[in-house]
PDB file of N, CA and C in Angstrom:
ATOM      1  N   MET A   1     172.302 147.632-210.015  1.00  0.00           N
ATOM      2  CA  MET A   1     172.446 147.685-211.462  1.00  0.00           C
ATOM      3  C   MET A   1     172.258 146.307-212.080  1.00  0.00           C
ATOM      4  N   LYS A   2     172.841 145.293-211.423  1.00  0.00           N
ATOM      5  CA  LYS A   2     172.713 143.934-211.931  1.00  0.00           C
ATOM      6  C   LYS A   2     171.248 143.503-211.958  1.00  0.00           C
ATOM      7  N   ASN A   3     170.496 143.888-210.928  1.00  0.00           N
ATOM      8  CA  ASN A   3     169.076 143.556-210.846  1.00  0.00           C
ATOM      9  C   ASN A   3     168.305 144.192-212.001  1.00  0.00           C
ATOM     10  N   PHE A   4     168.632 145.430-212.359  1.00  0.00           N
ATOM     11  CA  PHE A   4     167.987 146.126-213.464  1.00  0.00           C
ATOM     12  C   PHE A   4     168.228 145.392-214.778  1.00  0.00           C
ATOM     13  N   VAL A   5     169.448 144.960-215.004  1.00  0.00           N
ATOM     14  CA  VAL A   5     169.784 144.242-216.234  1.00  0.00           C
ATOM     15  C   VAL A   5     169.039 142.911-216.301  1.00  0.00           C
ATOM     16  N   VAL A   6     169.001 142.195-215.187  1.00  0.00           N
ATOM     17  CA  VAL A   6     168.311 140.902-215.145  1.00  0.00           C
ATOM     18  C   VAL A   6     166.821 141.094-215.425  1.00  0.00           C
ATOM     19  N   LYS A   7     166.210 142.087-214.803  1.00  0.00           N
ATOM     20  CA  LYS A   7     164.780 142.348-215.015  1.00  0.00           C
ATOM     21  C   LYS A   7     164.502 142.755-216.465  1.00  0.00           C
ATOM     22  N   THR A   8     165.387 143.567-217.050  1.00  0.00           N
ATOM     23  CA  THR A   8     165.203 143.988-218.434  1.00  0.00           C
ATOM     24  C   THR A   8     165.315 142.798-219.380  1.00  0.00           C
ATOM     25  N   LEU A   9     166.296 141.933-219.149  1.00  0.00           N
ATOM     26  CA  LEU A   9     166.433 140.738-219.998  1.00  0.00           C
ATOM     27  C   LEU A   9     165.255 139.789-219.820  1.00  0.00           C
ATOM     28  N   ALA A  10     164.730 139.693-218.606  1.00  0.00           N
ATOM     29  CA  ALA A  10     163.548 138.857-218.369  1.00  0.00           C
ATOM     30  C   ALA A  10     162.337 139.433-219.111  1.00  0.00           C
ATOM     31  N   ASN A  11     162.185 140.750-219.081  1.00  0.00           N
ATOM     32  CA  ASN A  11     161.098 141.388-219.835  1.00  0.00           C
ATOM     33  C   ASN A  11     161.270 141.179-221.333  1.00  0.00           C
ATOM     34  N   ALA A  12     162.499 141.283-221.823  1.00  0.00           N
ATOM     35  CA  ALA A  12     162.752 141.062-223.249  1.00  0.00           C
ATOM     36  C   ALA A  12     162.401 139.623-223.636  1.00  0.00           C
ATOM     37  N   ALA A  13     162.763 138.667-222.796  1.00  0.00           N
ATOM     38  CA  ALA A  13     162.428 137.270-223.079  1.00  0.00           C
ATOM     39  C   ALA A  13     160.916 137.060-223.050  1.00  0.00           C
ATOM     40  N   ALA A  14     160.236 137.680-222.097  1.00  0.00           N
ATOM     41  CA  ALA A  14     158.779 137.553-222.006  1.00  0.00           C
ATOM     42  C   ALA A  14     158.104 138.183-223.232  1.00  0.00           C
ATOM     43  N   LEU A  15     158.605 139.322-223.673  1.00  0.00           N
ATOM     44  CA  LEU A  15     158.075 139.946-224.885  1.00  0.00           C
ATOM     45  C   LEU A  15     158.327 139.061-226.106  1.00  0.00           C
ATOM     46  N   ALA A  16     159.489 138.423-226.152  1.00  0.00           N
ATOM     47  CA  ALA A  16     159.801 137.523-227.270  1.00  0.00           C
ATOM     48  C   ALA A  16     158.833 136.346-227.307  1.00  0.00           C
ATOM     49  N   VAL A  17     158.497 135.804-226.149  1.00  0.00           N
ATOM     50  CA  VAL A  17     157.537 134.700-226.091  1.00  0.00           C
ATOM     51  C   VAL A  17     156.174 135.165-226.591  1.00  0.00           C
ATOM     52  N   ALA A  18     155.754 136.360-226.194  1.00  0.00           N
ATOM     53  CA  ALA A  18     154.463 136.895-226.647  1.00  0.00           C
ATOM     54  C   ALA A  18     154.465 137.111-228.156  1.00  0.00           C
ATOM     55  N   VAL A  19     155.566 137.621-228.699  1.00  0.00           N
ATOM     56  CA  VAL A  19     155.678 137.815-230.149  1.00  0.00           C
ATOM     57  C   VAL A  19     155.623 136.461-230.863  1.00  0.00           C
ATOM     58  N   TRP A  20     156.276 135.467-230.286  1.00  0.00           N
ATOM     59  CA  TRP A  20     156.326 134.138-230.882  1.00  0.00           C
ATOM     60  C   TRP A  20     154.952 133.449-230.862  1.00  0.00           C
ATOM     61  N   LEU A  21     154.193 133.635-229.770  1.00  0.00           N
ATOM     62  CA  LEU A  21     152.915 132.935-229.619  1.00  0.00           C
ATOM     63  C   LEU A  21     151.732 133.627-230.299  1.00  0.00           C
ATOM     64  N   LEU A  22     151.771 134.936-230.384  1.00  0.00           N
ATOM     65  CA  LEU A  22     150.622 135.678-230.913  1.00  0.00           C
ATOM     66  C   LEU A  22     150.953 136.334-232.251  1.00  0.00           C
ATOM     67  N   ASP A  23     150.135 136.046-233.240  1.00  0.00           N
ATOM     68  CA  ASP A  23     150.359 136.596-234.581  1.00  0.00           C
ATOM     69  C   ASP A  23     150.160 138.101-234.653  1.00  0.00           C
ATOM     70  N   LYS A  24     149.308 138.638-233.781  1.00  0.00           N
ATOM     71  CA  LYS A  24     148.995 140.066-233.857  1.00  0.00           C
ATOM     72  C   LYS A  24     149.921 140.944-233.021  1.00  0.00           C
ATOM     73  N   ILE A  25     150.920 140.353-232.399  1.00  0.00           N
ATOM     74  CA  ILE A  25     152.006 141.131-231.797  1.00  0.00           C
ATOM     75  C   ILE A  25     153.201 140.919-232.712  1.00  0.00           C
ATOM     76  N   THR A  26     153.607 141.981-233.371  1.00  0.00           N
ATOM     77  CA  THR A  26     154.630 141.838-234.403  1.00  0.00           C
ATOM     78  C   THR A  26     155.920 142.550-234.029  1.00  0.00           C
ATOM     79  N   LEU A  27     156.998 141.935-234.444  1.00  0.00           N
ATOM     80  CA  LEU A  27     158.339 142.492-234.299  1.00  0.00           C
ATOM     81  C   LEU A  27     159.045 142.197-235.610  1.00  0.00           C
ATOM     82  N   THR A  28     159.387 143.235-236.334  1.00  0.00           N
ATOM     83  CA  THR A  28     160.033 143.036-237.623  1.00  0.00           C
ATOM     84  C   THR A  28     161.454 143.570-237.572  1.00  0.00           C
ATOM     85  N   GLY A  29     162.270 143.012-238.419  1.00  0.00           N
ATOM     86  CA  GLY A  29     163.658 143.446-238.489  1.00  0.00           C
ATOM     87  C   GLY A  29     164.377 142.689-239.594  1.00  0.00           C
ATOM     88  N   ASP A  30     165.486 143.258-240.026  1.00  0.00           N
ATOM     89  CA  ASP A  30     166.249 142.656-241.120  1.00  0.00           C
ATOM     90  C   ASP A  30     167.011 141.421-240.675  1.00  0.00           C
ATOM     91  N   SER A  31     167.475 141.427-239.450  1.00  0.00           N
ATOM     92  CA  SER A  31     168.295 140.322-238.969  1.00  0.00           C
ATOM     93  C   SER A  31     167.909 139.982-237.529  1.00  0.00           C
ATOM     94  N   THR A  32     168.411 138.856-237.087  1.00  0.00           N
ATOM     95  CA  THR A  32     168.153 138.433-235.707  1.00  0.00           C
ATOM     96  C   THR A  32     168.753 139.420-234.719  1.00  0.00           C
ATOM     97  N   GLY A  33     169.925 139.945-235.018  1.00  0.00           N
ATOM     98  CA  GLY A  33     170.570 140.915-234.139  1.00  0.00           C
ATOM     99  C   GLY A  33     169.738 142.179-233.967  1.00  0.00           C
ATOM    100  N   LYS A  34     169.150 142.668-235.071  1.00  0.00           N
ATOM    101  CA  LYS A  34     168.298 143.857-234.983  1.00  0.00           C
ATOM    102  C   LYS A  34     167.036 143.559-234.183  1.00  0.00           C
ATOM    103  N   LYS A  35     166.484 142.358-234.351  1.00  0.00           N
ATOM    104  CA  LYS A  35     165.293 141.986-233.588  1.00  0.00           C
ATOM    105  C   LYS A  35     165.599 141.914-232.093  1.00  0.00           C
ATOM    106  N   ILE A  36     166.752 141.357-231.747  1.00  0.00           N
ATOM    107  CA  ILE A  36     167.143 141.277-230.333  1.00  0.00           C
ATOM    108  C   ILE A  36     167.358 142.677-229.764  1.00  0.00           C
ATOM    109  N   GLY A  37     168.025 143.523-230.521  1.00  0.00           N
ATOM    110  CA  GLY A  37     168.233 144.905-230.079  1.00  0.00           C
ATOM    111  C   GLY A  37     166.917 145.639-229.889  1.00  0.00           C
ATOM    112  N   THR A  38     166.003 145.453-230.835  1.00  0.00           N
ATOM    113  CA  THR A  38     164.681 146.071-230.720  1.00  0.00           C
ATOM    114  C   THR A  38     163.940 145.537-229.502  1.00  0.00           C
ATOM    115  N   LEU A  39     164.024 144.231-229.255  1.00  0.00           N
ATOM    116  CA  LEU A  39     163.374 143.633-228.089  1.00  0.00           C
ATOM    117  C   LEU A  39     163.906 144.224-226.787  1.00  0.00           C
ATOM    118  N   ILE A  40     165.192 144.443-226.715  1.00  0.00           N
ATOM    119  CA  ILE A  40     165.777 145.016-225.502  1.00  0.00           C
ATOM    120  C   ILE A  40     165.307 146.458-225.306  1.00  0.00           C
ATOM    121  N   VAL A  41     165.250 147.229-226.389  1.00  0.00           N
ATOM    122  CA  VAL A  41     164.756 148.607-226.286  1.00  0.00           C
ATOM    123  C   VAL A  41     163.275 148.610-225.898  1.00  0.00           C
ATOM    124  N   VAL A  42     162.487 147.715-226.502  1.00  0.00           N
ATOM    125  CA  VAL A  42     161.064 147.613-226.153  1.00  0.00           C
ATOM    126  C   VAL A  42     160.910 147.206-224.686  1.00  0.00           C
ATOM    127  N   ALA A  43     161.753 146.293-224.213  1.00  0.00           N
ATOM    128  CA  ALA A  43     161.710 145.882-222.806  1.00  0.00           C
ATOM    129  C   ALA A  43     162.023 147.066-221.890  1.00  0.00           C
ATOM    130  N   LEU A  44     162.960 147.908-222.280  1.00  0.00           N
ATOM    131  CA  LEU A  44     163.269 149.111-221.500  1.00  0.00           C
ATOM    132  C   LEU A  44     162.073 150.068-221.466  1.00  0.00           C
ATOM    133  N   ILE A  45     161.439 150.258-222.614  1.00  0.00           N
ATOM    134  CA  ILE A  45     160.260 151.128-222.682  1.00  0.00           C
ATOM    135  C   ILE A  45     159.126 150.534-221.847  1.00  0.00           C
ATOM    136  N   PHE A  46     158.921 149.218-221.965  1.00  0.00           N
ATOM    137  CA  PHE A  46     157.880 148.528-221.209  1.00  0.00           C
ATOM    138  C   PHE A  46     158.132 148.669-219.706  1.00  0.00           C
ATOM    139  N   GLY A  47     159.382 148.519-219.299  1.00  0.00           N
ATOM    140  CA  GLY A  47     159.741 148.688-217.894  1.00  0.00           C
ATOM    141  C   GLY A  47     159.514 150.113-217.425  1.00  0.00           C
ATOM    142  N   LEU A  48     159.844 151.078-218.259  1.00  0.00           N
ATOM    143  CA  LEU A  48     159.632 152.485-217.924  1.00  0.00           C
ATOM    144  C   LEU A  48     158.146 152.814-217.806  1.00  0.00           C
ATOM    145  N   VAL A  49     157.350 152.305-218.738  1.00  0.00           N
ATOM    146  CA  VAL A  49     155.898 152.506-218.689  1.00  0.00           C
ATOM    147  C   VAL A  49     155.332 151.885-217.409  1.00  0.00           C
ATOM    148  N   ASN A  50     155.776 150.667-217.093  1.00  0.00           N
ATOM    149  CA  ASN A  50     155.291 150.011-215.887  1.00  0.00           C
ATOM    150  C   ASN A  50     155.747 150.723-214.618  1.00  0.00           C
ATOM    151  N   PHE A  51     156.925 151.334-214.657  1.00  0.00           N
ATOM    152  CA  PHE A  51     157.451 152.044-213.492  1.00  0.00           C
ATOM    153  C   PHE A  51     156.765 153.392-213.282  1.00  0.00           C
ATOM    154  N   LEU A  52     156.506 154.121-214.377  1.00  0.00           N
ATOM    155  CA  LEU A  52     155.969 155.475-214.269  1.00  0.00           C
ATOM    156  C   LEU A  52     154.442 155.554-214.318  1.00  0.00           C
ATOM    157  N   VAL A  53     153.828 154.820-215.223  1.00  0.00           N
ATOM    158  CA  VAL A  53     152.401 154.982-215.479  1.00  0.00           C
ATOM    159  C   VAL A  53     151.544 154.004-214.681  1.00  0.00           C
ATOM    160  N   LYS A  54     151.992 152.762-214.574  1.00  0.00           N
ATOM    161  CA  LYS A  54     151.167 151.729-213.949  1.00  0.00           C
ATOM    162  C   LYS A  54     150.773 152.056-212.501  1.00  0.00           C
ATOM    163  N   PRO A  55     151.670 152.572-211.656  1.00  0.00           N
ATOM    164  CA  PRO A  55     151.232 152.910-210.289  1.00  0.00           C
ATOM    165  C   PRO A  55     150.127 153.968-210.251  1.00  0.00           C
ATOM    166  N   ILE A  56     150.197 154.924-211.148  1.00  0.00           N
ATOM    167  CA  ILE A  56     149.173 155.965-211.201  1.00  0.00           C
ATOM    168  C   ILE A  56     147.835 155.358-211.610  1.00  0.00           C
ATOM    169  N   VAL A  57     147.860 154.491-212.615  1.00  0.00           N
ATOM    170  CA  VAL A  57     146.625 153.835-213.068  1.00  0.00           C
ATOM    171  C   VAL A  57     146.061 152.948-211.965  1.00  0.00           C
ATOM    172  N   LYS A  58     146.939 152.247-211.242  1.00  0.00           N
ATOM    173  CA  LYS A  58     146.466 151.391-210.150  1.00  0.00           C
ATOM    174  C   LYS A  58     145.790 152.196-209.044  1.00  0.00           C
ATOM    175  N   VAL A  59     146.349 153.344-208.714  1.00  0.00           N
ATOM    176  CA  VAL A  59     145.744 154.186-207.684  1.00  0.00           C
ATOM    177  C   VAL A  59     144.384 154.709-208.157  1.00  0.00           C
ATOM    178  N   LEU A  60     144.314 155.142-209.404  1.00  0.00           N
ATOM    179  CA  LEU A  60     143.066 155.688-209.929  1.00  0.00           C
ATOM    180  C   LEU A  60     141.976 154.626-210.070  1.00  0.00           C
ATOM    181  N   THR A  61     142.372 153.381-210.285  1.00  0.00           N
ATOM    182  CA  THR A  61     141.393 152.303-210.471  1.00  0.00           C
ATOM    183  C   THR A  61     141.290 151.394-209.252  1.00  0.00           C
ATOM    184  N   PHE A  62     141.768 151.853-208.113  1.00  0.00           N
ATOM    185  CA  PHE A  62     141.754 151.025-206.900  1.00  0.00           C
ATOM    186  C   PHE A  62     140.371 150.452-206.564  1.00  0.00           C
ATOM    187  N   PRO A  63     139.301 151.241-206.660  1.00  0.00           N
ATOM    188  CA  PRO A  63     137.984 150.648-206.384  1.00  0.00           C
ATOM    189  C   PRO A  63     137.649 149.476-207.315  1.00  0.00           C
ATOM    190  N   LEU A  64     138.096 149.568-208.574  1.00  0.00           N
ATOM    191  CA  LEU A  64     137.854 148.463-209.502  1.00  0.00           C
ATOM    192  C   LEU A  64     138.668 147.228-209.133  1.00  0.00           C
ATOM    193  N   PHE A  65     139.867 147.430-208.576  1.00  0.00           N
ATOM    194  CA  PHE A  65     140.663 146.289-208.106  1.00  0.00           C
ATOM    195  C   PHE A  65     139.907 145.542-207.013  1.00  0.00           C
ATOM    196  N   ILE A  66     139.293 146.283-206.108  1.00  0.00           N
ATOM    197  CA  ILE A  66     138.538 145.658-205.025  1.00  0.00           C
ATOM    198  C   ILE A  66     137.275 145.004-205.573  1.00  0.00           C
ATOM    199  N   LEU A  67     136.558 145.720-206.426  1.00  0.00           N
ATOM    200  CA  LEU A  67     135.299 145.227-206.973  1.00  0.00           C
ATOM    201  C   LEU A  67     135.478 143.951-207.804  1.00  0.00           C
ATOM    202  N   THR A  68     136.563 143.887-208.575  1.00  0.00           N
ATOM    203  CA  THR A  68     136.781 142.731-209.456  1.00  0.00           C
ATOM    204  C   THR A  68     137.725 141.700-208.849  1.00  0.00           C
ATOM    205  N   LEU A  69     138.076 141.883-207.585  1.00  0.00           N
ATOM    206  CA  LEU A  69     139.004 140.973-206.897  1.00  0.00           C
ATOM    207  C   LEU A  69     140.340 140.839-207.633  1.00  0.00           C
ATOM    208  N   GLY A  70     140.777 141.937-208.217  1.00  0.00           N
ATOM    209  CA  GLY A  70     142.084 141.970-208.864  1.00  0.00           C
ATOM    210  C   GLY A  70     142.088 141.614-210.337  1.00  0.00           C
ATOM    211  N   LEU A  71     140.975 141.204-210.899  1.00  0.00           N
ATOM    212  CA  LEU A  71     140.953 140.826-212.318  1.00  0.00           C
ATOM    213  C   LEU A  71     141.177 142.013-213.245  1.00  0.00           C
ATOM    214  N   ILE A  72     140.959 143.218-212.737  1.00  0.00           N
ATOM    215  CA  ILE A  72     141.222 144.416-213.534  1.00  0.00           C
ATOM    216  C   ILE A  72     142.707 144.519-213.878  1.00  0.00           C
ATOM    217  N   THR A  73     143.543 143.779-213.171  1.00  0.00           N
ATOM    218  CA  THR A  73     144.980 143.758-213.463  1.00  0.00           C
ATOM    219  C   THR A  73     145.231 143.342-214.908  1.00  0.00           C
ATOM    220  N   LEU A  74     144.438 142.413-215.427  1.00  0.00           N
ATOM    221  CA  LEU A  74     144.573 142.001-216.829  1.00  0.00           C
ATOM    222  C   LEU A  74     144.359 143.180-217.773  1.00  0.00           C
ATOM    223  N   ILE A  75     143.377 144.008-217.461  1.00  0.00           N
ATOM    224  CA  ILE A  75     143.088 145.170-218.294  1.00  0.00           C
ATOM    225  C   ILE A  75     144.200 146.206-218.173  1.00  0.00           C
ATOM    226  N   VAL A  76     144.675 146.440-216.959  1.00  0.00           N
ATOM    227  CA  VAL A  76     145.754 147.409-216.743  1.00  0.00           C
ATOM    228  C   VAL A  76     147.019 146.956-217.475  1.00  0.00           C
ATOM    229  N   ASN A  77     147.352 145.664-217.385  1.00  0.00           N
ATOM    230  CA  ASN A  77     148.520 145.145-218.102  1.00  0.00           C
ATOM    231  C   ASN A  77     148.351 145.299-219.611  1.00  0.00           C
ATOM    232  N   ALA A  78     147.146 145.060-220.111  1.00  0.00           N
ATOM    233  CA  ALA A  78     146.887 145.234-221.545  1.00  0.00           C
ATOM    234  C   ALA A  78     147.076 146.690-221.955  1.00  0.00           C
ATOM    235  N   LEU A  79     146.590 147.603-221.129  1.00  0.00           N
ATOM    236  CA  LEU A  79     146.754 149.021-221.438  1.00  0.00           C
ATOM    237  C   LEU A  79     148.223 149.436-221.430  1.00  0.00           C
ATOM    238  N   MET A  80     149.013 148.870-220.513  1.00  0.00           N
ATOM    239  CA  MET A  80     150.447 149.182-220.472  1.00  0.00           C
ATOM    240  C   MET A  80     151.143 148.646-221.727  1.00  0.00           C
ATOM    241  N   LEU A  81     150.713 147.471-222.198  1.00  0.00           N
ATOM    242  CA  LEU A  81     151.293 146.901-223.419  1.00  0.00           C
ATOM    243  C   LEU A  81     150.898 147.736-224.637  1.00  0.00           C
ATOM    244  N   LEU A  82     149.650 148.182-224.677  1.00  0.00           N
ATOM    245  CA  LEU A  82     149.221 149.046-225.783  1.00  0.00           C
ATOM    246  C   LEU A  82     149.953 150.388-225.753  1.00  0.00           C
ATOM    247  N   LEU A  83     150.172 150.935-224.566  1.00  0.00           N
ATOM    248  CA  LEU A  83     150.922 152.187-224.450  1.00  0.00           C
ATOM    249  C   LEU A  83     152.364 151.994-224.910  1.00  0.00           C
ATOM    250  N   THR A  84     152.947 150.862-224.550  1.00  0.00           N
ATOM    251  CA  THR A  84     154.305 150.547-225.005  1.00  0.00           C
ATOM    252  C   THR A  84     154.341 150.453-226.531  1.00  0.00           C
ATOM    253  N   SER A  85     153.339 149.806-227.118  1.00  0.00           N
ATOM    254  CA  SER A  85     153.256 149.698-228.574  1.00  0.00           C
ATOM    255  C   SER A  85     153.147 151.077-229.225  1.00  0.00           C
ATOM    256  N   TRP A  86     152.356 151.953-228.615  1.00  0.00           N
ATOM    257  CA  TRP A  86     152.204 153.300-229.152  1.00  0.00           C
ATOM    258  C   TRP A  86     153.520 154.076-229.081  1.00  0.00           C
ATOM    259  N   VAL A  87     154.198 154.000-227.929  1.00  0.00           N
ATOM    260  CA  VAL A  87     155.487 154.694-227.774  1.00  0.00           C
ATOM    261  C   VAL A  87     156.490 154.154-228.793  1.00  0.00           C
ATOM    262  N   CYS A  88     156.506 152.848-228.981  1.00  0.00           N
ATOM    263  CA  CYS A  88     157.424 152.256-229.968  1.00  0.00           C
ATOM    264  C   CYS A  88     157.104 152.761-231.371  1.00  0.00           C
ATOM    265  N   GLY A  89     155.834 152.925-231.674  1.00  0.00           N
ATOM    266  CA  GLY A  89     155.447 153.488-232.966  1.00  0.00           C
ATOM    267  C   GLY A  89     155.940 154.915-233.130  1.00  0.00           C
ATOM    268  N   GLN A  90     155.879 155.697-232.062  1.00  0.00           N
ATOM    269  CA  GLN A  90     156.355 157.085-232.108  1.00  0.00           C
ATOM    270  C   GLN A  90     157.867 157.149-232.291  1.00  0.00           C
ATOM    271  N   LEU A  91     158.566 156.125-231.790  1.00  0.00           N
ATOM    272  CA  LEU A  91     160.026 156.078-231.892  1.00  0.00           C
ATOM    273  C   LEU A  91     160.508 155.291-233.110  1.00  0.00           C
ATOM    274  N   ASP A  92     159.596 154.908-233.984  1.00  0.00           N
ATOM    275  CA  ASP A  92     159.896 154.126-235.190  1.00  0.00           C
ATOM    276  C   ASP A  92     160.558 152.790-234.879  1.00  0.00           C
ATOM    277  N   LEU A  93     160.145 152.161-233.786  1.00  0.00           N
ATOM    278  CA  LEU A  93     160.604 150.805-233.492  1.00  0.00           C
ATOM    279  C   LEU A  93     159.605 149.831-234.090  1.00  0.00           C
ATOM    280  N   SER A  94     160.079 148.702-234.520  1.00  0.00           N
ATOM    281  CA  SER A  94     159.238 147.759-235.251  1.00  0.00           C
ATOM    282  C   SER A  94     158.533 146.777-234.316  1.00  0.00           C
ATOM    283  N   PHE A  95     157.825 147.302-233.324  1.00  0.00           N
ATOM    284  CA  PHE A  95     157.043 146.489-232.400  1.00  0.00           C
ATOM    285  C   PHE A  95     155.625 147.030-232.405  1.00  0.00           C
ATOM    286  N   HIS A  96     154.648 146.134-232.621  1.00  0.00           N
ATOM    287  CA  HIS A  96     153.261 146.584-232.690  1.00  0.00           C
ATOM    288  C   HIS A  96     152.327 145.534-232.108  1.00  0.00           C
ATOM    289  N   VAL A  97     151.371 146.011-231.327  1.00  0.00           N
ATOM    290  CA  VAL A  97     150.313 145.163-230.787  1.00  0.00           C
ATOM    291  C   VAL A  97     149.024 145.583-231.473  1.00  0.00           C
ATOM    292  N   ASP A  98     148.366 144.625-232.134  1.00  0.00           N
ATOM    293  CA  ASP A  98     147.175 144.921-232.916  1.00  0.00           C
ATOM    294  C   ASP A  98     145.924 144.515-232.158  1.00  0.00           C
ATOM    295  N   GLY A  99     145.316 145.461-231.463  1.00  0.00           N
ATOM    296  CA  GLY A  99     144.035 145.223-230.832  1.00  0.00           C
ATOM    297  C   GLY A  99     144.097 145.012-229.327  1.00  0.00           C
ATOM    298  N   PHE A 100     142.969 145.347-228.695  1.00  0.00           N
ATOM    299  CA  PHE A 100     142.882 145.274-227.245  1.00  0.00           C
ATOM    300  C   PHE A 100     142.951 143.847-226.729  1.00  0.00           C
ATOM    301  N   TRP A 101     142.212 142.930-227.338  1.00  0.00           N
ATOM    302  CA  TRP A 101     142.180 141.550-226.828  1.00  0.00           C
ATOM    303  C   TRP A 101     143.510 140.847-227.039  1.00  0.00           C
ATOM    304  N   THR A 102     144.208 141.209-228.086  1.00  0.00           N
ATOM    305  CA  THR A 102     145.569 140.702-228.266  1.00  0.00           C
ATOM    306  C   THR A 102     146.456 141.213-227.141  1.00  0.00           C
ATOM    307  N   ALA A 103     146.262 142.471-226.756  1.00  0.00           N
ATOM    308  CA  ALA A 103     147.041 143.052-225.659  1.00  0.00           C
ATOM    309  C   ALA A 103     146.717 142.364-224.338  1.00  0.00           C
ATOM    310  N   VAL A 104     145.450 142.000-224.125  1.00  0.00           N
ATOM    311  CA  VAL A 104     145.081 141.294-222.896  1.00  0.00           C
ATOM    312  C   VAL A 104     145.803 139.956-222.833  1.00  0.00           C
ATOM    313  N   LEU A 105     145.733 139.194-223.918  1.00  0.00           N
ATOM    314  CA  LEU A 105     146.406 137.897-223.958  1.00  0.00           C
ATOM    315  C   LEU A 105     147.922 138.059-223.888  1.00  0.00           C
ATOM    316  N   GLY A 106     148.460 139.052-224.591  1.00  0.00           N
ATOM    317  CA  GLY A 106     149.895 139.321-224.540  1.00  0.00           C
ATOM    318  C   GLY A 106     150.346 139.728-223.148  1.00  0.00           C
ATOM    319  N   GLY A 107     149.571 140.558-222.482  1.00  0.00           N
ATOM    320  CA  GLY A 107     149.892 140.959-221.108  1.00  0.00           C
ATOM    321  C   GLY A 107     149.895 139.775-220.164  1.00  0.00           C
ATOM    322  N   LEU A 108     148.950 138.851-220.366  1.00  0.00           N
ATOM    323  CA  LEU A 108     148.904 137.647-219.545  1.00  0.00           C
ATOM    324  C   LEU A 108     150.134 136.779-219.781  1.00  0.00           C
ATOM    325  N   ILE A 109     150.496 136.596-221.033  1.00  0.00           N
ATOM    326  CA  ILE A 109     151.690 135.797-221.374  1.00  0.00           C
ATOM    327  C   ILE A 109     152.941 136.443-220.788  1.00  0.00           C
ATOM    328  N   ILE A 110     153.084 137.748-220.958  1.00  0.00           N
ATOM    329  CA  ILE A 110     154.258 138.455-220.451  1.00  0.00           C
ATOM    330  C   ILE A 110     154.334 138.358-218.931  1.00  0.00           C
ATOM    331  N   SER A 111     153.203 138.482-218.253  1.00  0.00           N
ATOM    332  CA  SER A 111     153.191 138.381-216.790  1.00  0.00           C
ATOM    333  C   SER A 111     153.629 136.999-216.321  1.00  0.00           C
ATOM    334  N   VAL A 112     153.106 135.963-216.945  1.00  0.00           N
ATOM    335  CA  VAL A 112     153.438 134.591-216.543  1.00  0.00           C
ATOM    336  C   VAL A 112     154.905 134.282-216.823  1.00  0.00           C
ATOM    337  N   VAL A 113     155.376 134.644-218.008  1.00  0.00           N
ATOM    338  CA  VAL A 113     156.772 134.358-218.366  1.00  0.00           C
ATOM    339  C   VAL A 113     157.731 135.169-217.498  1.00  0.00           C
ATOM    340  N   SER A 114     157.420 136.444-217.255  1.00  0.00           N
ATOM    341  CA  SER A 114     158.278 137.269-216.395  1.00  0.00           C
ATOM    342  C   SER A 114     158.327 136.709-214.982  1.00  0.00           C
ATOM    343  N   TRP A 115     157.185 136.302-214.471  1.00  0.00           N
ATOM    344  CA  TRP A 115     157.133 135.711-213.131  1.00  0.00           C
ATOM    345  C   TRP A 115     158.001 134.451-213.062  1.00  0.00           C
ATOM    346  N   ALA A 116     157.873 133.574-214.064  1.00  0.00           N
ATOM    347  CA  ALA A 116     158.656 132.338-214.069  1.00  0.00           C
ATOM    348  C   ALA A 116     160.150 132.624-214.187  1.00  0.00           C
ATOM    349  N   LEU A 117     160.519 133.559-215.047  1.00  0.00           N
ATOM    350  CA  LEU A 117     161.937 133.896-215.212  1.00  0.00           C
ATOM    351  C   LEU A 117     162.511 134.548-213.960  1.00  0.00           C
ATOM    352  N   ASN A 118     161.730 135.382-213.299  1.00  0.00           N
ATOM    353  CA  ASN A 118     162.211 136.020-212.077  1.00  0.00           C
ATOM    354  C   ASN A 118     162.358 135.022-210.935  1.00  0.00           C
ATOM    355  N   LEU A 119     161.653 133.903-211.014  1.00  0.00           N
ATOM    356  CA  LEU A 119     161.836 132.846-210.019  1.00  0.00           C
ATOM    357  C   LEU A 119     163.192 132.163-210.155  1.00  0.00           C
ATOM    358  N   VAL A 120     163.625 131.954-211.393  1.00  0.00           N
ATOM    359  CA  VAL A 120     164.854 131.199-211.620  1.00  0.00           C
ATOM    360  C   VAL A 120     166.092 132.069-211.775  1.00  0.00           C
ATOM    361  N   LEU A 121     165.909 133.348-212.127  1.00  0.00           N
ATOM    362  CA  LEU A 121     167.059 134.236-212.299  1.00  0.00           C
ATOM    363  C   LEU A 121     167.475 134.815-210.959  1.00  0.00           C
ATOM    364  N   PRO A 122     168.759 135.097-210.808  1.00  0.00           N
ATOM    365  CA  PRO A 122     169.240 135.640-209.533  1.00  0.00           C
ATOM    366  C   PRO A 122     168.669 137.039-209.294  1.00  0.00           C
ATOM    367  N   ASP A 123     168.445 137.333-208.034  1.00  0.00           N
ATOM    368  CA  ASP A 123     167.901 138.622-207.644  1.00  0.00           C
ATOM    369  C   ASP A 123     168.681 139.131-206.432  1.00  0.00           C
ATOM    370  N   GLU A 124     169.036 140.415-206.459  1.00  0.00           N
ATOM    371  CA  GLU A 124     169.813 140.989-205.352  1.00  0.00           C
ATOM    372  C   GLU A 124     168.969 141.247-204.126  1.00  0.00           C
ATOM    373  N   ASP A 125     167.655 141.419-204.308  1.00  0.00           N
ATOM    374  CA  ASP A 125     166.789 141.801-203.185  1.00  0.00           C
ATOM    375  C   ASP A 125     166.612 140.669-202.235  1.00  0.00           C
TER     376      ASP A 125
END
């Protein structure tokens, strides 16, 4: 359970960095508390999308992973971020990613920040 909380907070921090760095990834809210709450919910949705959908997409695109030497991962991460944005829109959460190339750059930022945070944060595994 502790590992789940740490990973979710790391994802929320990575999403916050992407929102801060990219103008076309937006998070709106009346107060800082609402923005933090929204970020945590978005991080949960992002984690769920990555847990449920990403493995299926990876299996279906396995030949492309081999052909591109893994660079297709950038596209898959962008698609997961766009799917998260769509789900958030359906749930009336104030998180939006505007455009595919923004999602590619946002996915790259989120991957790097999550990787760095997971290096320094405690892990049960």
